[in-house]
């Protein structure tokens, strides 16, 4: 199996081909554009590398990797998209000293060669990709809105008037994007049905259900532990022998967007969801801190969301309460 490691940036990507026959590495750089993608495929053909015998490994770097991952998948290559933290840890284990685009590509190639648990990447459905784009754009506009609000405190006169005009425009754009997200989900029966199931859980509203439809590929998980780890809510223990007894803390190697968006729904669930209330009260009575109990509710929300989507049945509060 030939392994190609790719370090991708906004305008270009560096490639490191680790030959399975010779063990040597060849490097090349391409433009991060459709023209560059085709040039990469042509170059691989020139090297005698067939698509079904080549694994292309890249990091999940912002959104820069998506177009290339789609192009390579469509061309028939085996694609794996890896968490950057895994590559960083692998580099530390090799006592890596260099930090260049070329060196990063070589590191990713070696990681791809040695890793035995690389998961093949598959593109989400077209409607899910569009939902991701809409939510990402809404987040960007909301971020700009916060920035302008901060600037307003220091503005005066005509500058203040300019800030207020921008704020009004951003507010209108937020409302427009929010409506577009609703309309998009309504136009696709599968998404609409899934959102209705998710919103049957007290505490799960329109926003969190939209995020989970966009970024939580439920059908790709074998069990709930994998899903919890994907979101980054698994506990990380710090114990060794008789001398090290550190506090356990939250492992944040998962999807930051989903983890962040679950905080407020968990707070709401504690108020209005009897099963969440019972779980939170039981943990607090056992001496657990408020944050620990709240994170447990966040994890439980993931359990319930997976359950309603897998079973295609609305949330049953009585059954959830009995299983607590």
Protein backbone atom coordinates (compact mmCIF):
# COMPACT_ATOMS: atom_id res chain seq x y z
CA UNK A 1 0.00 0.00 0.00
CA UNK A 2 1.39 3.38 -1.02
CA UNK A 3 0.94 6.19 1.51
CA UNK A 4 0.65 9.87 0.62
CA UNK A 5 0.78 12.39 3.46
CA UNK A 6 -0.56 15.87 2.79
CA UNK A 7 0.01 19.02 4.80
CA UNK A 8 -2.64 21.44 3.62
CA UNK A 9 -2.88 25.21 3.91
CA UNK A 10 -5.16 27.87 2.50
CA UNK A 11 -3.39 28.36 -0.85
CA UNK A 12 -1.26 25.25 -1.32
CA UNK A 13 -0.60 21.78 0.00
CA UNK A 14 2.63 19.82 0.36
CA UNK A 15 2.76 16.13 -0.46
CA UNK A 16 5.04 13.39 0.82
CA UNK A 17 4.80 10.04 -0.99
CA UNK A 18 6.14 7.19 1.10
CA UNK A 19 6.89 4.37 -1.33
CA UNK A 20 5.81 0.96 -0.09
CA UNK A 21 8.47 -0.68 -2.30
CA UNK A 22 11.57 1.41 -1.63
CA UNK A 23 10.63 3.11 1.66
CA UNK A 24 11.85 6.40 0.21
CA UNK A 25 9.94 9.67 0.40
CA UNK A 26 9.27 12.01 -2.52
CA UNK A 27 7.99 15.52 -1.99
CA UNK A 28 5.94 17.84 -4.15
CA UNK A 29 3.71 20.91 -3.70
CA UNK A 30 0.45 21.77 -5.46
CA UNK A 31 -1.99 24.65 -5.54
CA UNK A 32 -4.97 24.18 -3.22
CA UNK A 33 -7.56 24.48 -5.99
CA UNK A 34 -9.37 22.22 -8.45
CA UNK A 35 -6.47 22.73 -10.87
CA UNK A 36 -4.04 21.58 -8.18
CA UNK A 37 -6.23 18.57 -7.33
CA UNK A 38 -6.20 17.42 -10.95
CA UNK A 39 -2.45 18.01 -11.15
CA UNK A 40 -2.01 15.80 -8.07
CA UNK A 41 -4.06 12.98 -9.59
CA UNK A 42 -2.11 13.25 -12.87
CA UNK A 43 1.20 13.17 -10.99
CA UNK A 44 0.20 10.06 -9.02
CA UNK A 45 -0.73 8.31 -12.28
CA UNK A 46 2.67 9.25 -13.72
CA UNK A 47 4.31 7.60 -10.73
CA UNK A 48 2.40 4.40 -11.44
CA UNK A 49 0.29 4.67 -8.26
CA UNK A 50 -3.19 3.19 -8.69
CA UNK A 51 -6.06 4.72 -6.74
CA UNK A 52 -7.15 1.51 -5.01
CA UNK A 53 -3.63 0.89 -3.70
CA UNK A 54 -2.97 4.35 -2.32
CA UNK A 55 -4.01 5.82 1.01
CA UNK A 56 -4.12 9.61 1.17
CA UNK A 57 -3.76 10.93 4.72
CA UNK A 58 -4.38 14.54 5.72
CA UNK A 59 -5.21 16.56 8.83
CA UNK A 60 -8.63 18.02 9.58
CA UNK A 61 -7.25 21.56 9.27
CA UNK A 62 -10.08 24.11 9.51
CA UNK A 63 -12.07 23.66 6.26
CA UNK A 64 -9.05 23.73 3.96
CA UNK A 65 -8.93 19.93 3.59
CA UNK A 66 -12.54 19.40 2.54
CA UNK A 67 -12.33 20.17 -1.18
CA UNK A 68 -9.19 18.06 -1.61
CA UNK A 69 -10.65 15.18 0.41
CA UNK A 70 -13.74 15.20 -1.81
CA UNK A 71 -11.65 15.33 -4.99
CA UNK A 72 -9.46 12.40 -3.94
CA UNK A 73 -12.46 10.37 -2.77
CA UNK A 74 -14.24 10.97 -6.10
CA UNK A 75 -11.06 9.87 -7.91
CA UNK A 76 -11.21 6.52 -6.09
CA UNK A 77 -8.39 6.97 -3.58
CA UNK A 78 -8.56 5.74 0.02
CA UNK A 79 -8.80 8.90 2.11
CA UNK A 80 -8.22 9.28 5.85
CA UNK A 81 -8.73 12.59 7.67
CA UNK A 82 -6.90 12.63 11.00
CA UNK A 83 -7.23 14.79 14.10
CA UNK A 84 -4.21 17.19 14.14
CA UNK A 85 -3.61 16.33 17.81
CA UNK A 86 -2.87 12.73 16.81
CA UNK A 87 -0.22 13.92 14.37
CA UNK A 88 1.25 16.25 16.97
CA UNK A 89 1.48 13.44 19.53
CA UNK A 90 3.06 11.16 16.94
CA UNK A 91 5.66 13.84 16.15
CA UNK A 92 6.49 14.23 19.83
CA UNK A 93 6.93 10.47 20.17
CA UNK A 94 9.52 10.65 17.38
CA UNK A 95 11.27 13.61 19.07
CA UNK A 96 10.55 15.74 16.05
CA UNK A 97 12.57 18.95 15.77
CA UNK A 98 11.63 20.42 12.39
CA UNK A 99 8.46 22.36 11.67
CA UNK A 100 8.03 23.04 7.96
CA UNK A 101 5.28 22.23 5.49
CA UNK A 102 7.46 19.60 3.86
CA UNK A 103 8.43 18.04 7.20
CA UNK A 104 4.78 18.04 8.30
CA UNK A 105 3.76 16.17 5.15
CA UNK A 106 6.46 13.56 5.77
CA UNK A 107 5.33 13.17 9.38
CA UNK A 108 1.73 12.62 8.26
CA UNK A 109 2.90 10.02 5.72
CA UNK A 110 4.84 8.11 8.38
CA UNK A 111 1.85 8.28 10.71
CA UNK A 112 -0.33 6.85 7.96
CA UNK A 113 2.14 4.02 7.34
CA UNK A 114 2.44 3.03 11.01
CA UNK A 115 -1.12 3.55 12.22
CA UNK A 116 -3.24 0.39 12.29
CA UNK A 117 -6.53 2.13 13.10
CA UNK A 118 -6.93 4.69 10.36
CA UNK A 119 -10.59 5.17 9.49
CA UNK A 120 -11.57 5.68 5.88
CA UNK A 121 -13.17 9.06 5.30
CA UNK A 122 -16.49 9.34 3.51
CA UNK A 123 -18.10 12.62 2.46
CA UNK A 124 -21.37 13.55 4.14
CA UNK A 125 -24.56 13.72 2.11
CA UNK A 126 -25.04 16.80 -0.07
CA UNK A 127 -27.80 18.21 2.16
CA UNK A 128 -25.63 17.75 5.25
CA UNK A 129 -22.71 19.57 3.60
CA UNK A 130 -24.99 22.49 2.77
CA UNK A 131 -26.24 22.55 6.36
CA UNK A 132 -22.63 22.65 7.56
CA UNK A 133 -21.90 25.61 5.28
CA UNK A 134 -24.96 27.53 6.45
CA UNK A 135 -24.18 26.99 10.14
CA UNK A 136 -20.51 27.87 9.64
CA UNK A 137 -21.53 31.09 7.91
CA UNK A 138 -23.99 31.92 10.69
CA UNK A 139 -21.21 31.43 13.24
CA UNK A 140 -18.95 33.76 11.26
CA UNK A 141 -21.61 36.47 11.12
CA UNK A 142 -22.30 36.09 14.83
CA UNK A 143 -18.59 36.46 15.49
CA UNK A 144 -18.49 39.69 13.48
CA UNK A 145 -21.53 40.90 15.44
CA UNK A 146 -19.68 40.40 18.73
CA UNK A 147 -16.65 42.25 17.37
CA UNK A 148 -18.74 45.24 16.32
CA UNK A 149 -20.50 45.28 19.68
CA UNK A 150 -17.10 45.52 21.36
CA UNK A 151 -16.05 48.36 19.05
CA UNK A 152 -19.24 50.26 19.84
CA UNK A 153 -18.05 50.94 23.40
CA UNK A 154 -15.16 53.02 22.08
CA UNK A 155 -16.89 54.67 19.10
CA UNK A 156 -18.46 58.11 19.02
CA UNK A 157 -19.96 60.53 16.50
CA UNK A 158 -19.94 59.36 12.89
CA UNK A 159 -17.87 56.33 13.80
CA UNK A 160 -20.63 55.23 16.18
CA UNK A 161 -23.20 55.70 13.42
CA UNK A 162 -21.09 53.48 11.15
CA UNK A 163 -20.89 50.77 13.81
CA UNK A 164 -24.65 50.89 14.34
CA UNK A 165 -25.26 50.51 10.59
CA UNK A 166 -22.99 47.47 10.48
CA UNK A 167 -24.68 46.01 13.56
CA UNK A 168 -28.10 46.39 11.93
CA UNK A 169 -26.87 44.69 8.76
CA UNK A 170 -25.31 41.84 10.71
CA UNK A 171 -28.49 41.37 12.75
CA UNK A 172 -30.54 41.14 9.56
CA UNK A 173 -28.05 38.66 8.07
CA UNK A 174 -28.21 36.49 11.22
CA UNK A 175 -32.00 36.36 10.95
CA UNK A 176 -31.77 35.54 7.22
CA UNK A 177 -29.26 32.72 7.76
CA UNK A 178 -31.26 31.30 10.66
CA UNK A 179 -34.33 31.16 8.42
CA UNK A 180 -32.32 29.59 5.60
CA UNK A 181 -31.19 26.83 7.98
CA UNK A 182 -34.81 26.18 8.98
CA UNK A 183 -35.95 26.14 5.35
CA UNK A 184 -33.10 23.84 4.33
CA UNK A 185 -34.00 21.28 7.01
CA UNK A 186 -37.69 21.51 6.13
CA UNK A 187 -36.93 20.83 2.45
CA UNK A 188 -35.25 17.50 3.27
CA UNK A 189 -37.59 14.96 4.92
CA UNK A 190 -34.71 12.97 6.41
CA UNK A 191 -33.24 15.99 8.18
CA UNK A 192 -36.68 17.22 9.22
CA UNK A 193 -37.62 13.87 10.75
CA UNK A 194 -34.31 13.62 12.60
CA UNK A 195 -34.65 17.13 14.00
CA UNK A 196 -38.17 16.36 15.24
CA UNK A 197 -36.83 13.27 17.02
CA UNK A 198 -33.97 15.22 18.59
CA UNK A 199 -36.27 18.04 19.72
CA UNK A 200 -38.52 15.55 21.49
CA UNK A 201 -35.78 15.45 24.18
CA UNK A 202 -36.40 18.20 26.76
CA UNK A 203 -33.37 20.47 26.62
CA UNK A 204 -32.58 19.85 22.94
CA UNK A 205 -33.79 22.80 20.92
CA UNK A 206 -33.50 24.09 17.39
CA UNK A 207 -29.86 25.19 17.62
CA UNK A 208 -28.30 22.10 19.17
CA UNK A 209 -30.34 19.76 16.97
CA UNK A 210 -29.16 21.63 13.85
CA UNK A 211 -25.54 21.36 14.95
CA UNK A 212 -25.83 17.64 15.61
CA UNK A 213 -27.50 17.01 12.28
CA UNK A 214 -24.59 18.81 10.62
CA UNK A 215 -21.62 17.32 12.47
CA UNK A 216 -22.62 14.14 14.27
CA UNK A 217 -22.53 11.21 11.79
CA UNK A 218 -24.59 8.82 13.93
CA UNK A 219 -24.53 6.02 11.37
CA UNK A 220 -20.72 5.80 11.59
CA UNK A 221 -20.57 4.87 15.27
CA UNK A 222 -20.73 1.32 16.57
CA UNK A 223 -21.52 2.33 20.14
CA UNK A 224 -22.22 5.30 22.38
CA UNK A 225 -18.67 5.43 23.73
CA UNK A 226 -17.35 6.22 20.28
CA UNK A 227 -19.90 9.00 19.91
CA UNK A 228 -19.07 10.51 23.32
CA UNK A 229 -15.37 10.40 22.44
CA UNK A 230 -16.11 12.09 19.10
CA UNK A 231 -17.68 15.02 20.93
CA UNK A 232 -14.81 15.11 23.44
CA UNK A 233 -16.73 14.37 26.63
CA UNK A 234 -14.86 11.25 27.73
CA UNK A 235 -13.18 11.45 31.16
CA UNK A 236 -9.38 11.40 31.21
CA UNK A 237 -7.88 9.76 34.30
CA UNK A 238 -4.52 10.66 35.83
CA UNK A 239 -3.44 7.76 38.03
CA UNK A 240 -0.31 5.64 38.11
CA UNK A 241 0.95 3.21 40.75
CA UNK A 242 0.65 4.22 44.39
CA UNK A 243 1.97 7.77 44.11
CA UNK A 244 0.08 9.46 41.29
CA UNK A 245 -3.57 10.15 42.06
CA UNK A 246 -4.39 13.23 40.02
CA UNK A 247 -7.88 14.48 39.42
CA UNK A 248 -9.71 13.17 36.42
CA UNK A 249 -10.63 15.81 33.89
CA UNK A 250 -12.44 16.14 30.60
CA UNK A 251 -10.66 14.84 27.52
CA UNK A 252 -11.10 17.54 24.87
CA UNK A 253 -9.75 15.69 21.85
CA UNK A 254 -13.14 15.69 20.13
CA UNK A 255 -15.41 18.04 18.23
CA UNK A 256 -15.19 21.39 20.01
CA UNK A 257 -18.24 22.84 18.26
CA UNK A 258 -20.54 20.10 19.55
CA UNK A 259 -19.04 20.10 23.04
CA UNK A 260 -19.49 23.85 23.38
CA UNK A 261 -23.03 23.85 22.06
CA UNK A 262 -24.16 21.22 24.60
CA UNK A 263 -23.53 23.36 27.69
CA UNK A 264 -26.72 25.46 27.65
CA UNK A 265 -28.99 22.55 26.59
CA UNK A 266 -27.67 20.57 29.58
CA UNK A 267 -28.53 23.47 31.89
CA UNK A 268 -32.03 23.59 30.39
CA UNK A 269 -32.41 19.81 30.70
CA UNK A 270 -31.61 20.00 34.41
CA UNK A 271 -34.58 22.35 34.81
CA UNK A 272 -37.15 20.74 32.52
CA UNK A 273 -36.12 17.13 31.85
CA UNK A 274 -37.08 14.80 34.77
CA UNK A 275 -34.47 12.20 33.78
CA UNK A 276 -31.73 14.83 33.63
CA UNK A 277 -32.91 16.30 36.94
CA UNK A 278 -32.71 12.89 38.60
CA UNK A 279 -29.23 12.20 37.23
CA UNK A 280 -27.91 15.61 38.31
CA UNK A 281 -29.45 15.32 41.80
CA UNK A 282 -28.10 11.80 42.30
CA UNK A 283 -24.55 12.84 41.41
CA UNK A 284 -24.68 15.94 43.60
CA UNK A 285 -25.99 13.85 46.51
CA UNK A 286 -23.04 11.49 45.99
CA UNK A 287 -20.66 14.41 46.53
CA UNK A 288 -19.86 15.20 42.91
CA UNK A 289 -19.21 18.82 42.01
CA UNK A 290 -21.65 20.86 39.98
CA UNK A 291 -19.45 20.87 36.86
CA UNK A 292 -18.92 17.11 37.05
CA UNK A 293 -22.67 16.53 37.32
CA UNK A 294 -23.34 18.95 34.47
CA UNK A 295 -20.88 17.17 32.17
CA UNK A 296 -22.60 13.89 33.04
CA UNK A 297 -25.88 15.43 31.85
CA UNK A 298 -24.16 16.58 28.64
CA UNK A 299 -23.00 13.00 28.04
CA UNK A 300 -26.47 11.68 28.80
CA UNK A 301 -27.96 14.04 26.21
CA UNK A 302 -25.69 12.41 23.63
CA UNK A 303 -26.95 8.98 24.76
CA UNK A 304 -30.54 10.08 24.31
CA UNK A 305 -29.90 11.72 20.94
CA UNK A 306 -28.24 8.59 19.61
CA UNK A 307 -31.07 6.47 20.98
CA UNK A 308 -33.88 8.43 19.30
CA UNK A 309 -32.06 8.54 15.97
CA UNK A 310 -31.11 4.86 16.01
CA UNK A 311 -34.58 3.72 17.06
CA UNK A 312 -36.43 6.32 14.98
CA UNK A 313 -38.70 6.86 17.99
CA UNK A 314 -39.43 9.96 20.04
CA UNK A 315 -37.90 10.41 23.48
CA UNK A 316 -39.70 8.53 26.25
CA UNK A 317 -39.11 10.37 29.58
CA UNK A 318 -40.46 7.47 31.65
CA UNK A 319 -38.12 4.97 30.06
CA UNK A 320 -35.18 7.38 30.40
CA UNK A 321 -35.97 7.94 34.06
CA UNK A 322 -36.17 4.20 34.70
CA UNK A 323 -32.75 3.63 33.13
CA UNK A 324 -31.00 6.36 35.15
